[in-house]
Amino acid sequence: MDEQVLTKYEVMAALKYKSVSGFYTFCKRTPDFPKSFPLGLRRVGWVKREIDAYLEKRMNERNAVEG
């Protein structure tokens, strides 16, 4: 598997979240946000490609609205 895995803090930085609780609330309330997967007992990760695709989708939605 050559997928790059991002930690919680790396994803939070990409989304500009400073609060862990705020980030997890966002994850729960945003159904199209990529799901995390367990890396260990108390650690989760996200596939970088999926996070990049989510951000790209959001930018495209913004651009479509702007015209």
N, C-alpha and C. Protein backbone atom coordinates (compact mmCIF):
# COMPACT_ATOMS: atom_id res chain seq x y z
N MET A 1 0.85 -1.17 0.00
CA MET A 1 0.00 0.00 0.00
C MET A 1 0.89 1.24 0.00
N ASP A 2 0.74 2.07 -1.02
CA ASP A 2 1.55 3.27 -1.13
C ASP A 2 0.79 4.54 -0.76
N GLU A 3 -0.36 4.38 -0.13
CA GLU A 3 -1.16 5.53 0.26
C GLU A 3 -0.49 6.26 1.42
N GLN A 4 -0.49 7.59 1.34
CA GLN A 4 0.02 8.38 2.46
C GLN A 4 -1.10 8.55 3.47
N VAL A 5 -0.78 8.36 4.74
CA VAL A 5 -1.75 8.46 5.82
C VAL A 5 -1.48 9.74 6.61
N LEU A 6 -2.54 10.49 6.87
CA LEU A 6 -2.44 11.72 7.66
C LEU A 6 -2.97 11.47 9.06
N THR A 7 -2.33 12.07 10.03
CA THR A 7 -2.80 11.98 11.41
C THR A 7 -3.90 13.01 11.64
N LYS A 8 -4.53 12.90 12.79
CA LYS A 8 -5.58 13.85 13.18
C LYS A 8 -5.07 15.28 13.10
N TYR A 9 -3.89 15.52 13.61
CA TYR A 9 -3.36 16.88 13.64
C TYR A 9 -2.99 17.39 12.25
N GLU A 10 -2.56 16.52 11.37
CA GLU A 10 -2.27 16.94 10.00
C GLU A 10 -3.56 17.32 9.26
N VAL A 11 -4.62 16.55 9.48
CA VAL A 11 -5.90 16.87 8.85
C VAL A 11 -6.46 18.16 9.45
N MET A 12 -6.35 18.30 10.76
CA MET A 12 -6.81 19.53 11.41
C MET A 12 -6.07 20.75 10.84
N ALA A 13 -4.78 20.62 10.62
CA ALA A 13 -4.00 21.73 10.07
C ALA A 13 -4.45 22.06 8.64
N ALA A 14 -4.73 21.03 7.85
CA ALA A 14 -5.18 21.25 6.47
C ALA A 14 -6.52 21.98 6.44
N LEU A 15 -7.36 21.71 7.44
CA LEU A 15 -8.69 22.33 7.51
C LEU A 15 -8.71 23.58 8.38
N LYS A 16 -7.55 23.91 8.96
CA LYS A 16 -7.41 25.09 9.83
C LYS A 16 -8.22 24.99 11.12
N TYR A 17 -8.35 23.78 11.65
CA TYR A 17 -9.00 23.58 12.96
C TYR A 17 -7.94 23.62 14.04
N LYS A 18 -8.23 24.32 15.13
CA LYS A 18 -7.33 24.36 16.28
C LYS A 18 -7.87 23.52 17.43
N SER A 19 -9.17 23.28 17.44
CA SER A 19 -9.83 22.55 18.52
C SER A 19 -10.12 21.12 18.08
N VAL A 20 -9.65 20.15 18.87
CA VAL A 20 -9.91 18.75 18.57
C VAL A 20 -11.41 18.47 18.62
N SER A 21 -12.08 18.99 19.65
CA SER A 21 -13.52 18.74 19.77
C SER A 21 -14.29 19.36 18.60
N GLY A 22 -13.88 20.55 18.18
CA GLY A 22 -14.52 21.19 17.02
C GLY A 22 -14.30 20.38 15.75
N PHE A 23 -13.11 19.83 15.61
CA PHE A 23 -12.79 19.01 14.44
C PHE A 23 -13.66 17.75 14.42
N TYR A 24 -13.78 17.07 15.57
CA TYR A 24 -14.59 15.85 15.61
C TYR A 24 -16.07 16.15 15.41
N THR A 25 -16.54 17.30 15.88
CA THR A 25 -17.92 17.71 15.62
C THR A 25 -18.13 17.90 14.12
N PHE A 26 -17.17 18.56 13.47
CA PHE A 26 -17.23 18.74 12.02
C PHE A 26 -17.29 17.38 11.32
N CYS A 27 -16.44 16.44 11.74
CA CYS A 27 -16.41 15.11 11.11
C CYS A 27 -17.77 14.41 11.22
N LYS A 28 -18.39 14.51 12.39
CA LYS A 28 -19.69 13.86 12.61
C LYS A 28 -20.80 14.50 11.80
N ARG A 29 -20.75 15.81 11.65
CA ARG A 29 -21.84 16.55 11.01
C ARG A 29 -21.67 16.72 9.50
N THR A 30 -20.57 16.24 8.97
CA THR A 30 -20.30 16.39 7.53
C THR A 30 -20.25 15.01 6.90
N PRO A 31 -21.39 14.54 6.36
CA PRO A 31 -21.46 13.16 5.88
C PRO A 31 -20.52 12.84 4.72
N ASP A 32 -20.14 13.83 3.92
CA ASP A 32 -19.27 13.53 2.79
C ASP A 32 -17.78 13.67 3.12
N PHE A 33 -17.47 14.00 4.39
CA PHE A 33 -16.07 14.07 4.79
C PHE A 33 -15.52 12.65 4.90
N PRO A 34 -14.29 12.40 4.41
CA PRO A 34 -13.73 11.05 4.46
C PRO A 34 -13.68 10.49 5.88
N LYS A 35 -13.93 9.21 5.98
CA LYS A 35 -13.92 8.53 7.28
C LYS A 35 -12.49 8.19 7.68
N SER A 36 -12.26 8.21 8.97
CA SER A 36 -10.95 7.82 9.51
C SER A 36 -10.91 6.30 9.65
N PHE A 37 -9.72 5.80 9.90
CA PHE A 37 -9.56 4.37 10.17
C PHE A 37 -8.55 4.22 11.30
N PRO A 38 -8.66 3.13 12.06
CA PRO A 38 -7.77 2.97 13.22
C PRO A 38 -6.33 2.66 12.81
N LEU A 39 -5.40 3.31 13.50
CA LEU A 39 -3.97 3.03 13.33
C LEU A 39 -3.42 2.28 14.53
N GLY A 40 -4.13 2.35 15.61
CA GLY A 40 -3.73 1.71 16.86
C GLY A 40 -4.87 1.81 17.84
N LEU A 41 -4.59 1.58 19.10
CA LEU A 41 -5.65 1.61 20.11
C LEU A 41 -6.26 3.00 20.27
N ARG A 42 -5.45 4.04 20.22
CA ARG A 42 -5.95 5.40 20.46
C ARG A 42 -5.53 6.36 19.35
N ARG A 43 -5.37 5.84 18.16
CA ARG A 43 -4.88 6.69 17.07
C ARG A 43 -5.63 6.35 15.78
N VAL A 44 -6.02 7.39 15.06
CA VAL A 44 -6.70 7.19 13.78
C VAL A 44 -5.98 7.96 12.69
N GLY A 45 -6.26 7.59 11.46
CA GLY A 45 -5.65 8.26 10.32
C GLY A 45 -6.64 8.42 9.19
N TRP A 46 -6.28 9.26 8.24
CA TRP A 46 -7.08 9.50 7.04
C TRP A 46 -6.17 9.32 5.84
N VAL A 47 -6.73 8.86 4.74
CA VAL A 47 -5.98 8.72 3.50
C VAL A 47 -5.83 10.12 2.88
N LYS A 48 -4.60 10.52 2.63
CA LYS A 48 -4.31 11.87 2.12
C LYS A 48 -5.06 12.14 0.82
N ARG A 49 -5.09 11.17 -0.06
CA ARG A 49 -5.77 11.33 -1.35
C ARG A 49 -7.25 11.66 -1.14
N GLU A 50 -7.89 11.04 -0.14
CA GLU A 50 -9.31 11.31 0.13
C GLU A 50 -9.52 12.72 0.69
N ILE A 51 -8.61 13.15 1.55
CA ILE A 51 -8.71 14.51 2.11
C ILE A 51 -8.49 15.54 1.00
N ASP A 52 -7.50 15.29 0.15
CA ASP A 52 -7.24 16.20 -0.98
C ASP A 52 -8.45 16.27 -1.91
N ALA A 53 -9.08 15.12 -2.17
CA ALA A 53 -10.26 15.08 -3.05
C ALA A 53 -11.42 15.85 -2.42
N TYR A 54 -11.59 15.72 -1.11
CA TYR A 54 -12.66 16.45 -0.41
C TYR A 54 -12.43 17.96 -0.53
N LEU A 55 -11.21 18.41 -0.29
CA LEU A 55 -10.91 19.84 -0.39
C LEU A 55 -11.08 20.35 -1.82
N GLU A 56 -10.67 19.55 -2.78
CA GLU A 56 -10.84 19.92 -4.19
C GLU A 56 -12.32 20.06 -4.53
N LYS A 57 -13.13 19.13 -4.05
CA LYS A 57 -14.57 19.18 -4.28
C LYS A 57 -15.17 20.45 -3.70
N ARG A 58 -14.77 20.79 -2.49
CA ARG A 58 -15.29 22.01 -1.85
C ARG A 58 -14.88 23.26 -2.64
N MET A 59 -13.65 23.29 -3.14
CA MET A 59 -13.20 24.44 -3.94
C MET A 59 -13.99 24.53 -5.24
N ASN A 60 -14.24 23.38 -5.87
CA ASN A 60 -15.02 23.37 -7.11
C ASN A 60 -16.45 23.83 -6.87
N GLU A 61 -17.04 23.44 -5.74
CA GLU A 61 -18.39 23.90 -5.39
C GLU A 61 -18.40 25.42 -5.22
N ARG A 62 -17.40 25.94 -4.56
CA ARG A 62 -17.30 27.39 -4.37
C ARG A 62 -17.18 28.10 -5.72
N ASN A 63 -16.33 27.57 -6.59
CA ASN A 63 -16.13 28.20 -7.89
C ASN A 63 -17.39 28.14 -8.75
N ALA A 64 -18.16 27.07 -8.63
CA ALA A 64 -19.41 26.94 -9.39
C ALA A 64 -20.42 27.98 -8.93
N VAL A 65 -20.45 28.26 -7.64
CA VAL A 65 -21.38 29.25 -7.09
C VAL A 65 -20.96 30.66 -7.52
N GLU A 66 -19.66 30.90 -7.52
CA GLU A 66 -19.16 32.24 -7.88
C GLU A 66 -19.35 32.54 -9.36
N GLY A 67 -19.45 31.49 -10.15
CA GLY A 67 -19.80 31.73 -11.51
C GLY A 67 -18.85 31.48 -12.57
